[in-house]
PDB file of N, CA and C in Angstrom:
ATOM      1  N   MET A   1       7.314   1.460-109.569  1.00  0.00           N
ATOM      2  CA  MET A   1       8.277   1.492-108.619  1.00  0.00           C
ATOM      3  C   MET A   1       8.829   0.102-108.337  1.00  0.00           C
ATOM      4  N   GLU A   2      10.102   0.038-108.340  1.00  0.00           N
ATOM      5  CA  GLU A   2      10.792  -1.213-107.986  1.00  0.00           C
ATOM      6  C   GLU A   2      11.685  -0.962-106.750  1.00  0.00           C
ATOM      7  N   LEU A   3      11.754  -2.008-105.950  1.00  0.00           N
ATOM      8  CA  LEU A   3      12.526  -1.950-104.742  1.00  0.00           C
ATOM      9  C   LEU A   3      13.422  -3.219-104.661  1.00  0.00           C
ATOM     10  N   TYR A   4      14.754  -2.974-104.613  1.00  0.00           N
ATOM     11  CA  TYR A   4      15.706  -4.061-104.567  1.00  0.00           C
ATOM     12  C   TYR A   4      16.395  -4.049-103.254  1.00  0.00           C
ATOM     13  N   THR A   5      16.695  -5.191-102.656  1.00  0.00           N
ATOM     14  CA  THR A   5      17.361  -5.212-101.355  1.00  0.00           C
ATOM     15  C   THR A   5      18.541  -6.193-101.501  1.00  0.00           C
ATOM     16  N   ASN A   6      19.673  -5.753-100.934  1.00  0.00           N
ATOM     17  CA  ASN A   6      20.843  -6.647-100.807  1.00  0.00           C
ATOM     18  C   ASN A   6      21.642  -6.192 -99.615  1.00  0.00           C
ATOM     19  N   PHE A   7      22.655  -6.954 -99.313  1.00  0.00           N
ATOM     20  CA  PHE A   7      23.506  -6.648 -98.190  1.00  0.00           C
ATOM     21  C   PHE A   7      24.937  -6.381 -98.580  1.00  0.00           C
ATOM     22  N   GLU A   8      25.544  -5.390 -97.977  1.00  0.00           N
ATOM     23  CA  GLU A   8      26.964  -5.123 -98.127  1.00  0.00           C
ATOM     24  C   GLU A   8      27.566  -5.309 -96.686  1.00  0.00           C
ATOM     25  N   GLY A   9      28.048  -6.463 -96.414  1.00  0.00           N
ATOM     26  CA  GLY A   9      28.475  -6.808 -95.068  1.00  0.00           C
ATOM     27  C   GLY A   9      27.214  -6.856 -94.122  1.00  0.00           C
ATOM     28  N   SER A  10      27.227  -6.065 -93.064  1.00  0.00           N
ATOM     29  CA  SER A  10      26.090  -6.001 -92.195  1.00  0.00           C
ATOM     30  C   SER A  10      25.192  -4.811 -92.386  1.00  0.00           C
ATOM     31  N   THR A  11      25.337  -4.182 -93.606  1.00  0.00           N
ATOM     32  CA  THR A  11      24.445  -3.038 -93.987  1.00  0.00           C
ATOM     33  C   THR A  11      23.467  -3.508 -95.017  1.00  0.00           C
ATOM     34  N   MET A  12      22.194  -3.177 -94.760  1.00  0.00           N
ATOM     35  CA  MET A  12      21.155  -3.551 -95.683  1.00  0.00           C
ATOM     36  C   MET A  12      20.933  -2.373 -96.638  1.00  0.00           C
ATOM     37  N   ILE A  13      20.956  -2.645 -97.924  1.00  0.00           N
ATOM     38  CA  ILE A  13      20.854  -1.615 -98.987  1.00  0.00           C
ATOM     39  C   ILE A  13      19.482  -1.779 -99.608  1.00  0.00           C
ATOM     40  N   PHE A  14      18.730  -0.695 -99.661  1.00  0.00           N
ATOM     41  CA  PHE A  14      17.492  -0.584-100.427  1.00  0.00           C
ATOM     42  C   PHE A  14      17.773   0.286-101.645  1.00  0.00           C
ATOM     43  N   SER A  15      17.559  -0.230-102.823  1.00  0.00           N
ATOM     44  CA  SER A  15      17.685   0.510-104.040  1.00  0.00           C
ATOM     45  C   SER A  15      16.289   0.742-104.609  1.00  0.00           C
ATOM     46  N   LEU A  16      15.891   2.018-104.737  1.00  0.00           N
ATOM     47  CA  LEU A  16      14.648   2.395-105.184  1.00  0.00           C
ATOM     48  C   LEU A  16      14.771   2.828-106.670  1.00  0.00           C
ATOM     49  N   VAL A  17      13.864   2.314-107.518  1.00  0.00           N
ATOM     50  CA  VAL A  17      13.893   2.608-108.946  1.00  0.00           C
ATOM     51  C   VAL A  17      12.517   3.108-109.347  1.00  0.00           C
ATOM     52  N   GLY A  18      12.452   4.304-109.985  1.00  0.00           N
ATOM     53  CA  GLY A  18      11.182   4.789-110.407  1.00  0.00           C
ATOM     54  C   GLY A  18      10.725   5.987-109.657  1.00  0.00           C
ATOM     55  N   GLU A  19       9.423   6.061-109.300  1.00  0.00           N
ATOM     56  CA  GLU A  19       8.882   7.265-108.642  1.00  0.00           C
ATOM     57  C   GLU A  19       8.324   6.849-107.262  1.00  0.00           C
ATOM     58  N   LEU A  20       8.705   7.537-106.204  1.00  0.00           N
ATOM     59  CA  LEU A  20       8.170   7.293-104.871  1.00  0.00           C
ATOM     60  C   LEU A  20       7.159   8.405-104.579  1.00  0.00           C
ATOM     61  N   ASP A  21       5.862   7.988-104.791  1.00  0.00           N
ATOM     62  CA  ASP A  21       4.782   8.949-104.638  1.00  0.00           C
ATOM     63  C   ASP A  21       3.607   8.300-103.990  1.00  0.00           C
ATOM     64  N   GLU A  22       2.447   8.921-104.012  1.00  0.00           N
ATOM     65  CA  GLU A  22       1.263   8.406-103.386  1.00  0.00           C
ATOM     66  C   GLU A  22       0.834   7.056-103.986  1.00  0.00           C
ATOM     67  N   HIS A  23       1.191   6.760-105.227  1.00  0.00           N
ATOM     68  CA  HIS A  23       0.805   5.508-105.854  1.00  0.00           C
ATOM     69  C   HIS A  23       1.628   4.342-105.455  1.00  0.00           C
ATOM     70  N   SER A  24       2.898   4.595-105.080  1.00  0.00           N
ATOM     71  CA  SER A  24       3.854   3.567-104.775  1.00  0.00           C
ATOM     72  C   SER A  24       4.185   3.483-103.300  1.00  0.00           C
ATOM     73  N   ALA A  25       3.812   4.474-102.527  1.00  0.00           N
ATOM     74  CA  ALA A  25       4.181   4.587-101.133  1.00  0.00           C
ATOM     75  C   ALA A  25       3.816   3.348-100.311  1.00  0.00           C
ATOM     76  N   SER A  26       2.609   2.870-100.426  1.00  0.00           N
ATOM     77  CA  SER A  26       2.178   1.740 -99.567  1.00  0.00           C
ATOM     78  C   SER A  26       2.980   0.450 -99.897  1.00  0.00           C
ATOM     79  N   PHE A  27       3.304   0.258-101.146  1.00  0.00           N
ATOM     80  CA  PHE A  27       4.146  -0.873-101.558  1.00  0.00           C
ATOM     81  C   PHE A  27       5.570  -0.770-100.905  1.00  0.00           C
ATOM     82  N   VAL A  28       6.117   0.408-101.088  1.00  0.00           N
ATOM     83  CA  VAL A  28       7.526   0.612-100.531  1.00  0.00           C
ATOM     84  C   VAL A  28       7.484   0.508 -99.115  1.00  0.00           C
ATOM     85  N   ARG A  29       6.554   1.127 -98.386  1.00  0.00           N
ATOM     86  CA  ARG A  29       6.465   1.062 -96.909  1.00  0.00           C
ATOM     87  C   ARG A  29       6.361  -0.387 -96.432  1.00  0.00           C
ATOM     88  N   ARG A  30       5.457  -1.142 -97.034  1.00  0.00           N
ATOM     89  CA  ARG A  30       5.200  -2.511 -96.653  1.00  0.00           C
ATOM     90  C   ARG A  30       6.470  -3.356 -96.836  1.00  0.00           C
ATOM     91  N   LYS A  31       7.079  -3.250 -98.036  1.00  0.00           N
ATOM     92  CA  LYS A  31       8.255  -4.108 -98.305  1.00  0.00           C
ATOM     93  C   LYS A  31       9.459  -3.708 -97.402  1.00  0.00           C
ATOM     94  N   MET A  32       9.694  -2.436 -97.209  1.00  0.00           N
ATOM     95  CA  MET A  32      10.814  -2.001 -96.412  1.00  0.00           C
ATOM     96  C   MET A  32      10.613  -2.487 -94.948  1.00  0.00           C
ATOM     97  N   ASP A  33       9.411  -2.318 -94.462  1.00  0.00           N
ATOM     98  CA  ASP A  33       9.090  -2.754 -93.041  1.00  0.00           C
ATOM     99  C   ASP A  33       9.328  -4.285 -92.963  1.00  0.00           C
ATOM    100  N   GLU A  34       8.907  -5.006 -93.963  1.00  0.00           N
ATOM    101  CA  GLU A  34       9.040  -6.483 -93.915  1.00  0.00           C
ATOM    102  C   GLU A  34      10.518  -6.809 -93.854  1.00  0.00           C
ATOM    103  N   TYR A  35      11.382  -6.203 -94.667  1.00  0.00           N
ATOM    104  CA  TYR A  35      12.778  -6.506 -94.638  1.00  0.00           C
ATOM    105  C   TYR A  35      13.467  -6.072 -93.319  1.00  0.00           C
ATOM    106  N   ILE A  36      13.051  -4.957 -92.839  1.00  0.00           N
ATOM    107  CA  ILE A  36      13.646  -4.415 -91.583  1.00  0.00           C
ATOM    108  C   ILE A  36      13.220  -5.347 -90.397  1.00  0.00           C
ATOM    109  N   GLU A  37      12.006  -5.892 -90.421  1.00  0.00           N
ATOM    110  CA  GLU A  37      11.579  -6.698 -89.290  1.00  0.00           C
ATOM    111  C   GLU A  37      12.157  -8.133 -89.348  1.00  0.00           C
ATOM    112  N   ASN A  38      12.470  -8.586 -90.565  1.00  0.00           N
ATOM    113  CA  ASN A  38      12.869  -9.982 -90.728  1.00  0.00           C
ATOM    114  C   ASN A  38      14.346 -10.241 -91.037  1.00  0.00           C
ATOM    115  N   ASN A  39      15.172  -9.197 -90.873  1.00  0.00           N
ATOM    116  CA  ASN A  39      16.615  -9.396 -91.157  1.00  0.00           C
ATOM    117  C   ASN A  39      17.448  -8.780 -90.015  1.00  0.00           C
ATOM    118  N   ASP A  40      18.683  -9.296 -89.905  1.00  0.00           N
ATOM    119  CA  ASP A  40      19.596  -8.766 -88.888  1.00  0.00           C
ATOM    120  C   ASP A  40      20.645  -7.861 -89.673  1.00  0.00           C
ATOM    121  N   PHE A  41      20.838  -6.656 -89.153  1.00  0.00           N
ATOM    122  CA  PHE A  41      21.719  -5.720 -89.900  1.00  0.00           C
ATOM    123  C   PHE A  41      22.116  -4.698 -88.838  1.00  0.00           C
ATOM    124  N   ASP A  42      23.132  -3.882 -89.233  1.00  0.00           N
ATOM    125  CA  ASP A  42      23.624  -2.770 -88.358  1.00  0.00           C
ATOM    126  C   ASP A  42      23.128  -1.444 -88.819  1.00  0.00           C
ATOM    127  N   ALA A  43      22.933  -1.270 -90.124  1.00  0.00           N
ATOM    128  CA  ALA A  43      22.495   0.000 -90.687  1.00  0.00           C
ATOM    129  C   ALA A  43      21.765  -0.181 -91.985  1.00  0.00           C
ATOM    130  N   VAL A  44      20.984   0.806 -92.402  1.00  0.00           N
ATOM    131  CA  VAL A  44      20.302   0.820 -93.717  1.00  0.00           C
ATOM    132  C   VAL A  44      20.849   1.961 -94.545  1.00  0.00           C
ATOM    133  N   VAL A  45      21.046   1.688 -95.814  1.00  0.00           N
ATOM    134  CA  VAL A  45      21.381   2.651 -96.812  1.00  0.00           C
ATOM    135  C   VAL A  45      20.348   2.649 -97.920  1.00  0.00           C
ATOM    136  N   LEU A  46      19.818   3.873 -98.143  1.00  0.00           N
ATOM    137  CA  LEU A  46      18.933   4.057 -99.304  1.00  0.00           C
ATOM    138  C   LEU A  46      19.736   4.521-100.469  1.00  0.00           C
ATOM    139  N   ASP A  47      19.764   3.610-101.513  1.00  0.00           N
ATOM    140  CA  ASP A  47      20.518   3.978-102.768  1.00  0.00           C
ATOM    141  C   ASP A  47      19.420   4.597-103.701  1.00  0.00           C
ATOM    142  N   LEU A  48      19.519   5.905-103.934  1.00  0.00           N
ATOM    143  CA  LEU A  48      18.501   6.641-104.670  1.00  0.00           C
ATOM    144  C   LEU A  48      18.966   7.002-106.077  1.00  0.00           C
ATOM    145  N   ASN A  49      19.968   6.346-106.617  1.00  0.00           N
ATOM    146  CA  ASN A  49      20.518   6.694-107.918  1.00  0.00           C
ATOM    147  C   ASN A  49      19.457   6.614-109.008  1.00  0.00           C
ATOM    148  N   LYS A  50      18.534   5.670-108.910  1.00  0.00           N
ATOM    149  CA  LYS A  50      17.525   5.455-109.960  1.00  0.00           C
ATOM    150  C   LYS A  50      16.179   5.863-109.538  1.00  0.00           C
ATOM    151  N   LEU A  51      16.105   6.656-108.475  1.00  0.00           N
ATOM    152  CA  LEU A  51      14.792   7.217-108.085  1.00  0.00           C
ATOM    153  C   LEU A  51      14.599   8.534-108.846  1.00  0.00           C
ATOM    154  N   SER A  52      13.675   8.552-109.774  1.00  0.00           N
ATOM    155  CA  SER A  52      13.553   9.690-110.570  1.00  0.00           C
ATOM    156  C   SER A  52      12.630  10.757-110.069  1.00  0.00           C
ATOM    157  N   PHE A  53      11.806  10.452-109.091  1.00  0.00           N
ATOM    158  CA  PHE A  53      10.855  11.455-108.519  1.00  0.00           C
ATOM    159  C   PHE A  53      10.458  11.002-107.140  1.00  0.00           C
ATOM    160  N   MET A  54      10.293  12.012-106.257  1.00  0.00           N
ATOM    161  CA  MET A  54       9.793  11.739-104.930  1.00  0.00           C
ATOM    162  C   MET A  54       8.970  12.996-104.480  1.00  0.00           C
ATOM    163  N   ASP A  55       7.747  12.766-103.998  1.00  0.00           N
ATOM    164  CA  ASP A  55       6.989  13.890-103.444  1.00  0.00           C
ATOM    165  C   ASP A  55       6.889  13.817-101.925  1.00  0.00           C
ATOM    166  N   SER A  56       6.032  14.600-101.367  1.00  0.00           N
ATOM    167  CA  SER A  56       5.916  14.664 -99.921  1.00  0.00           C
ATOM    168  C   SER A  56       5.541  13.322 -99.339  1.00  0.00           C
ATOM    169  N   THR A  57       4.752  12.514-100.026  1.00  0.00           N
ATOM    170  CA  THR A  57       4.365  11.172 -99.586  1.00  0.00           C
ATOM    171  C   THR A  57       5.643  10.303 -99.482  1.00  0.00           C
ATOM    172  N   GLY A  58       6.540  10.443-100.459  1.00  0.00           N
ATOM    173  CA  GLY A  58       7.822   9.738-100.409  1.00  0.00           C
ATOM    174  C   GLY A  58       8.668  10.155 -99.258  1.00  0.00           C
ATOM    175  N   ILE A  59       8.650  11.451 -98.932  1.00  0.00           N
ATOM    176  CA  ILE A  59       9.434  11.942 -97.795  1.00  0.00           C
ATOM    177  C   ILE A  59       8.844  11.287 -96.525  1.00  0.00           C
ATOM    178  N   GLY A  60       7.551  11.178 -96.475  1.00  0.00           N
ATOM    179  CA  GLY A  60       6.859  10.536 -95.320  1.00  0.00           C
ATOM    180  C   GLY A  60       7.220   9.042 -95.158  1.00  0.00           C
ATOM    181  N   VAL A  61       7.383   8.395 -96.236  1.00  0.00           N
ATOM    182  CA  VAL A  61       7.835   6.978 -96.269  1.00  0.00           C
ATOM    183  C   VAL A  61       9.228   6.887 -95.688  1.00  0.00           C
ATOM    184  N   VAL A  62      10.133   7.731 -96.105  1.00  0.00           N
ATOM    185  CA  VAL A  62      11.482   7.773 -95.631  1.00  0.00           C
ATOM    186  C   VAL A  62      11.542   8.078 -94.149  1.00  0.00           C
ATOM    187  N   ILE A  63      10.826   9.097 -93.748  1.00  0.00           N
ATOM    188  CA  ILE A  63      10.836   9.491 -92.313  1.00  0.00           C
ATOM    189  C   ILE A  63      10.280   8.386 -91.458  1.00  0.00           C
ATOM    190  N   GLY A  64       9.216   7.708 -91.888  1.00  0.00           N
ATOM    191  CA  GLY A  64       8.624   6.656 -91.174  1.00  0.00           C
ATOM    192  C   GLY A  64       9.618   5.456 -90.990  1.00  0.00           C
ATOM    193  N   ARG A  65      10.374   5.127 -91.993  1.00  0.00           N
ATOM    194  CA  ARG A  65      11.347   4.087 -91.852  1.00  0.00           C
ATOM    195  C   ARG A  65      12.479   4.504 -90.991  1.00  0.00           C
ATOM    196  N   TYR A  66      12.855   5.790 -91.032  1.00  0.00           N
ATOM    197  CA  TYR A  66      13.876   6.338 -90.211  1.00  0.00           C
ATOM    198  C   TYR A  66      13.506   6.203 -88.746  1.00  0.00           C
ATOM    199  N   LYS A  67      12.249   6.537 -88.421  1.00  0.00           N
ATOM    200  CA  LYS A  67      11.730   6.422 -87.017  1.00  0.00           C
ATOM    201  C   LYS A  67      11.695   4.955 -86.556  1.00  0.00           C
ATOM    202  N   LEU A  68      11.287   4.053 -87.449  1.00  0.00           N
ATOM    203  CA  LEU A  68      11.315   2.650 -87.131  1.00  0.00           C
ATOM    204  C   LEU A  68      12.729   2.172 -86.805  1.00  0.00           C
ATOM    205  N   LEU A  69      13.707   2.596 -87.570  1.00  0.00           N
ATOM    206  CA  LEU A  69      15.059   2.227 -87.336  1.00  0.00           C
ATOM    207  C   LEU A  69      15.608   2.793 -86.096  1.00  0.00           C
ATOM    208  N   GLN A  70      15.179   4.041 -85.719  1.00  0.00           N
ATOM    209  CA  GLN A  70      15.620   4.627 -84.455  1.00  0.00           C
ATOM    210  C   GLN A  70      15.190   3.795 -83.280  1.00  0.00           C
ATOM    211  N   LYS A  71      13.947   3.287 -83.326  1.00  0.00           N
ATOM    212  CA  LYS A  71      13.428   2.449 -82.258  1.00  0.00           C
ATOM    213  C   LYS A  71      14.311   1.175 -82.076  1.00  0.00           C
ATOM    214  N   LYS A  72      14.889   0.736 -83.207  1.00  0.00           N
ATOM    215  CA  LYS A  72      15.696  -0.475 -83.161  1.00  0.00           C
ATOM    216  C   LYS A  72      17.221  -0.096 -82.974  1.00  0.00           C
ATOM    217  N   ARG A  73      17.456   1.177 -82.782  1.00  0.00           N
ATOM    218  CA  ARG A  73      18.823   1.689 -82.559  1.00  0.00           C
ATOM    219  C   ARG A  73      19.780   1.423 -83.779  1.00  0.00           C
ATOM    220  N   LYS A  74      19.162   1.616 -84.950  1.00  0.00           N
ATOM    221  CA  LYS A  74      19.903   1.395 -86.167  1.00  0.00           C
ATOM    222  C   LYS A  74      19.999   2.766 -86.899  1.00  0.00           C
ATOM    223  N   LYS A  75      21.036   2.902 -87.749  1.00  0.00           N
ATOM    224  CA  LYS A  75      21.237   4.122 -88.516  1.00  0.00           C
ATOM    225  C   LYS A  75      20.701   3.992 -89.920  1.00  0.00           C
ATOM    226  N   MET A  76      20.365   5.099 -90.489  1.00  0.00           N
ATOM    227  CA  MET A  76      19.939   5.151 -91.904  1.00  0.00           C
ATOM    228  C   MET A  76      20.806   6.218 -92.584  1.00  0.00           C
ATOM    229  N   TYR A  77      21.175   5.918 -93.865  1.00  0.00           N
ATOM    230  CA  TYR A  77      21.957   6.825 -94.662  1.00  0.00           C
ATOM    231  C   TYR A  77      21.368   6.813 -96.094  1.00  0.00           C
ATOM    232  N   VAL A  78      21.698   7.874 -96.828  1.00  0.00           N
ATOM    233  CA  VAL A  78      21.321   7.964 -98.200  1.00  0.00           C
ATOM    234  C   VAL A  78      22.589   8.074 -99.007  1.00  0.00           C
ATOM    235  N   ARG A  79      22.518   7.361-100.192  1.00  0.00           N
ATOM    236  CA  ARG A  79      23.709   7.481-101.126  1.00  0.00           C
ATOM    237  C   ARG A  79      23.174   7.597-102.554  1.00  0.00           C
ATOM    238  N   ASN A  80      24.051   8.126-103.362  1.00  0.00           N
ATOM    239  CA  ASN A  80      23.746   8.281-104.830  1.00  0.00           C
ATOM    240  C   ASN A  80      22.377   8.888-105.199  1.00  0.00           C
ATOM    241  N   PRO A  81      21.943   9.947-104.537  1.00  0.00           N
ATOM    242  CA  PRO A  81      20.650  10.507-104.913  1.00  0.00           C
ATOM    243  C   PRO A  81      20.764  11.115-106.324  1.00  0.00           C
ATOM    244  N   SER A  82      19.698  10.856-107.046  1.00  0.00           N
ATOM    245  CA  SER A  82      19.633  11.526-108.371  1.00  0.00           C
ATOM    246  C   SER A  82      19.592  13.003-108.124  1.00  0.00           C
ATOM    247  N   ALA A  83      19.873  13.827-109.148  1.00  0.00           N
ATOM    248  CA  ALA A  83      19.830  15.277-109.017  1.00  0.00           C
ATOM    249  C   ALA A  83      18.500  15.799-108.466  1.00  0.00           C
ATOM    250  N   THR A  84      17.435  15.226-108.994  1.00  0.00           N
ATOM    251  CA  THR A  84      16.066  15.682-108.605  1.00  0.00           C
ATOM    252  C   THR A  84      15.820  15.304-107.098  1.00  0.00           C
ATOM    253  N   VAL A  85      16.166  14.109-106.719  1.00  0.00           N
ATOM    254  CA  VAL A  85      15.934  13.674-105.330  1.00  0.00           C
ATOM    255  C   VAL A  85      16.893  14.420-104.413  1.00  0.00           C
ATOM    256  N   ASP A  86      18.117  14.737-104.795  1.00  0.00           N
ATOM    257  CA  ASP A  86      19.020  15.429-104.027  1.00  0.00           C
ATOM    258  C   ASP A  86      18.513  16.865-103.715  1.00  0.00           C
ATOM    259  N   LYS A  87      17.901  17.408-104.734  1.00  0.00           N
ATOM    260  CA  LYS A  87      17.331  18.808-104.505  1.00  0.00           C
ATOM    261  C   LYS A  87      16.193  18.740-103.513  1.00  0.00           C
ATOM    262  N   ILE A  88      15.328  17.721-103.611  1.00  0.00           N
ATOM    263  CA  ILE A  88      14.194  17.544-102.653  1.00  0.00           C
ATOM    264  C   ILE A  88      14.760  17.358-101.229  1.00  0.00           C
ATOM    265  N   PHE A  89      15.778  16.496-101.099  1.00  0.00           N
ATOM    266  CA  PHE A  89      16.283  16.257 -99.763  1.00  0.00           C
ATOM    267  C   PHE A  89      16.918  17.598 -99.219  1.00  0.00           C
ATOM    268  N   ASN A  90      17.547  18.381-100.084  1.00  0.00           N
ATOM    269  CA  ASN A  90      18.176  19.620 -99.611  1.00  0.00           C
ATOM    270  C   ASN A  90      17.068  20.647 -99.191  1.00  0.00           C
ATOM    271  N   MET A  91      16.056  20.775-100.069  1.00  0.00           N
ATOM    272  CA  MET A  91      14.992  21.765 -99.811  1.00  0.00           C
ATOM    273  C   MET A  91      14.160  21.452 -98.564  1.00  0.00           C
ATOM    274  N   SER A  92      13.958  20.147 -98.317  1.00  0.00           N
ATOM    275  CA  SER A  92      13.135  19.688 -97.248  1.00  0.00           C
ATOM    276  C   SER A  92      13.827  19.579 -95.901  1.00  0.00           C
ATOM    277  N   GLY A  93      15.183  19.702 -95.962  1.00  0.00           N
ATOM    278  CA  GLY A  93      15.929  19.545 -94.739  1.00  0.00           C
ATOM    279  C   GLY A  93      16.205  18.147 -94.347  1.00  0.00           C
ATOM    280  N   MET A  94      15.956  17.210 -95.197  1.00  0.00           N
ATOM    281  CA  MET A  94      16.094  15.768 -94.887  1.00  0.00           C
ATOM    282  C   MET A  94      17.493  15.427 -94.526  1.00  0.00           C
ATOM    283  N   TYR A  95      18.542  16.128 -95.118  1.00  0.00           N
ATOM    284  CA  TYR A  95      19.924  15.873 -94.877  1.00  0.00           C
ATOM    285  C   TYR A  95      20.291  16.238 -93.443  1.00  0.00           C
ATOM    286  N   GLY A  96      19.475  17.041 -92.800  1.00  0.00           N
ATOM    287  CA  GLY A  96      19.703  17.374 -91.380  1.00  0.00           C
ATOM    288  C   GLY A  96      19.287  16.204 -90.476  1.00  0.00           C
ATOM    289  N   ILE A  97      18.581  15.202 -91.033  1.00  0.00           N
ATOM    290  CA  ILE A  97      18.095  14.046 -90.277  1.00  0.00           C
ATOM    291  C   ILE A  97      18.840  12.832 -90.683  1.00  0.00           C
ATOM    292  N   ILE A  98      18.973  12.634 -91.986  1.00  0.00           N
ATOM    293  CA  ILE A  98      19.587  11.404 -92.606  1.00  0.00           C
ATOM    294  C   ILE A  98      20.778  11.872 -93.375  1.00  0.00           C
ATOM    295  N   SER A  99      21.919  11.294 -93.021  1.00  0.00           N
ATOM    296  CA  SER A  99      23.206  11.731 -93.620  1.00  0.00           C
ATOM    297  C   SER A  99      23.355  11.096 -95.033  1.00  0.00           C
ATOM    298  N   LYS A 100      23.981  11.902 -95.931  1.00  0.00           N
ATOM    299  CA  LYS A 100      24.349  11.399 -97.231  1.00  0.00           C
ATOM    300  C   LYS A 100      25.723  10.911 -97.178  1.00  0.00           C
ATOM    301  N   ILE A 101      25.923   9.682 -97.691  1.00  0.00           N
ATOM    302  CA  ILE A 101      27.294   9.110 -97.746  1.00  0.00           C
ATOM    303  C   ILE A 101      27.748   8.854 -99.168  1.00  0.00           C
TER     304      ILE A 101
END
């Protein structure tokens, strides 16, 4: 799993590459929390174009970051989900919580 971070204006972009599962969850959780706590931004976008797999642990990571951002009164969005991840987001109802842009 690789995690890249950059900014588009005041929006922080997290690009996830690889598989978000029980083996990579703690790394992703720790790095995202670190960036969220140490940067100034208006919103977060998860770019999931190169995320090839995500299981329920990955959904938990995303929900946890969403809740952290809610406490900070920040928005989270998803963009470019791979077909596999898009299906998981649809089936789990995640798009009812986090908007796809």
